[in-house]
Protein backbone atom coordinates (compact mmCIF):
# COMPACT_ATOMS: atom_id res chain seq x y z
CA MET A 1 93.33 77.26 102.90
CA GLU A 2 89.60 77.49 103.12
CA VAL A 3 87.46 80.64 103.27
CA LYS A 4 84.09 80.52 105.01
CA LEU A 5 81.52 83.32 105.16
CA ILE A 6 80.64 83.83 108.82
CA LYS A 7 78.36 86.86 108.60
CA LYS A 8 77.07 89.08 105.82
CA LYS A 9 75.33 92.40 106.27
CA GLU A 10 74.53 95.05 103.69
CA ASN A 11 77.96 96.73 103.87
CA GLN A 12 79.98 94.22 105.88
CA ALA A 13 81.33 90.73 105.53
CA ILE A 14 83.11 88.58 108.09
CA VAL A 15 85.06 85.64 106.69
CA GLU A 16 87.08 82.96 108.42
CA ILE A 17 90.28 81.91 106.67
CA LYS A 18 91.14 78.40 107.80
CA GLY A 19 94.81 77.55 107.54
CA ALA A 20 95.98 81.17 107.31
CA ASP A 21 98.24 82.98 109.73
CA HIS A 22 99.03 86.61 110.55
CA THR A 23 101.25 86.95 107.47
CA ILE A 24 98.56 86.24 104.89
CA VAL A 25 95.65 87.89 106.68
CA ASN A 26 97.64 91.02 107.47
CA ALA A 27 98.73 91.31 103.82
CA ILE A 28 95.10 91.10 102.70
CA ARG A 29 94.05 93.62 105.34
CA ARG A 30 96.77 96.06 104.27
CA GLU A 31 95.85 95.66 100.62
CA LEU A 32 92.17 96.27 101.40
CA TRP A 33 93.15 99.59 103.00
CA GLN A 34 94.62 100.64 99.63
CA ASP A 35 91.10 100.61 98.18
CA GLU A 36 89.50 104.01 98.71
CA LYS A 37 86.05 102.40 98.71
CA VAL A 38 86.86 100.30 101.78
CA ASP A 39 85.67 101.93 105.00
CA ALA A 40 87.33 99.42 107.34
CA ALA A 41 89.38 96.25 107.12
CA VAL A 42 90.52 94.43 110.25
CA TYR A 43 91.25 90.92 111.33
CA THR A 44 91.23 89.03 114.57
CA ILE A 45 92.59 85.74 115.83
CA GLU A 46 90.92 85.03 119.16
CA HIS A 47 93.35 82.35 120.28
CA SER A 48 96.59 81.69 118.42
CA LEU A 49 96.53 77.94 118.99
CA ILE A 50 92.89 77.04 118.39
CA SER A 51 91.22 79.88 116.47
CA GLN A 52 91.14 80.68 112.78
CA PRO A 53 91.68 84.25 111.54
CA ARG A 54 88.58 86.28 110.84
CA LEU A 55 88.68 89.15 108.39
CA ILE A 56 86.09 91.90 108.74
CA VAL A 57 85.52 94.19 105.75
CA ASN A 58 83.21 97.21 105.68
CA THR A 59 82.44 98.59 102.23
CA LYS A 60 79.60 98.73 99.76
CA ASN A 61 80.66 95.44 98.13
CA PRO A 62 82.90 93.46 100.53
CA LYS A 63 83.20 90.40 98.27
CA LYS A 64 84.44 92.46 95.32
CA ALA A 65 86.87 94.35 97.57
CA MET A 66 88.36 91.08 98.87
CA ILE A 67 88.66 89.63 95.36
CA ASP A 68 90.30 92.82 94.07
CA ALA A 69 92.75 92.85 97.00
CA ALA A 70 93.66 89.20 96.41
CA GLU A 71 94.24 89.88 92.70
CA ARG A 72 96.53 92.83 93.49
CA LEU A 73 98.50 90.71 95.96
CA HIS A 74 98.80 87.94 93.40
CA LYS A 75 100.21 90.40 90.87
CA GLN A 76 102.71 91.75 93.41
CA ASN A 77 103.83 88.21 94.28
CA LYS A 78 104.35 87.34 90.62
CA GLU A 79 106.48 90.48 90.23
CA MET A 80 108.56 89.49 93.28
CA GLU A 81 108.97 85.97 91.89
CA THR A 82 110.33 87.44 88.65
CA LEU A 83 112.77 89.65 90.55
CA PHE A 84 114.00 86.76 92.70
CA LYS A 85 114.56 84.60 89.63
CA LYS A 86 116.80 87.32 88.17
CA LEU A 87 119.13 87.15 91.18
CA LYS A 88 122.52 85.64 90.43
């Protein structure tokens, strides 16, 4: 995957996530909504065959919010990995 900053305003960032699909981008979007400092978090994929997902985040510090959301998702995934490994 590759993340590219498309547009940056004072309280908004738009990033393109090359190689991602609905699953990853929607998980990030949902996790961003768990942050009470985030005013809005949405994503769009203009054309499913030729477009890359774009994530739009409105908050005072969009970069920090995205990093924090990714860290929380990483922690959740590690917990799931541990649970799956315990299965017999």
